[in-house]
């Protein structure tokens, strides 16, 4: 079992993953989870013990201490953050991770590009990302698509890419989303 780790699920929703983590950690490890949805955080606090939940805002920063976490993970979170804010969030995650800390996350890559029409695809190729915006920030129907090479350049400013799985070639990993495992430089 990993010893004395601090782990954060960023964008936890109803903590479908965090709620199971304590089975794999020793008693000295600390689990944290945050989300922008106050109803989900309230439900988590009432129903899940041994996790420190926190409501966070749509834009960084968080209230977490710098260089604190060994691992931050975010499954299907960048997929619902507007591309104009993604770099800010990469910077914030790097801030809260310890040196050599791991960030595991997913994005909508080329497996999902067929959801876009020709004009949106042109915009994606031109800018490297494209967001279909909706009225409510963070709502699951707001979707951002990331082109690998463009997003990789942003990631590599702060992190070393340890592993990357293209969702189109690795459907079984996370339902077609691109899976990134990166280490803070």
Foldseek 3Di string as FASTA:
>chain_A
DDAQFEEEEEACQLVPPQLPCVVPYDPNHAAEYEHQDPVSQVNNVVPGPRYHYDYAHLADDGPAAFQHGQEYEYELQQFQRPPVRPLRVLVNVLRRHHAFHKYKYWAAEPLCCVVDDPVQVVVCVVQQKGWDDDDDRRPSVIGMYGYPVVVVVSNVVFWAWPDWDQLVVCCPPRNSTIITMTTGD
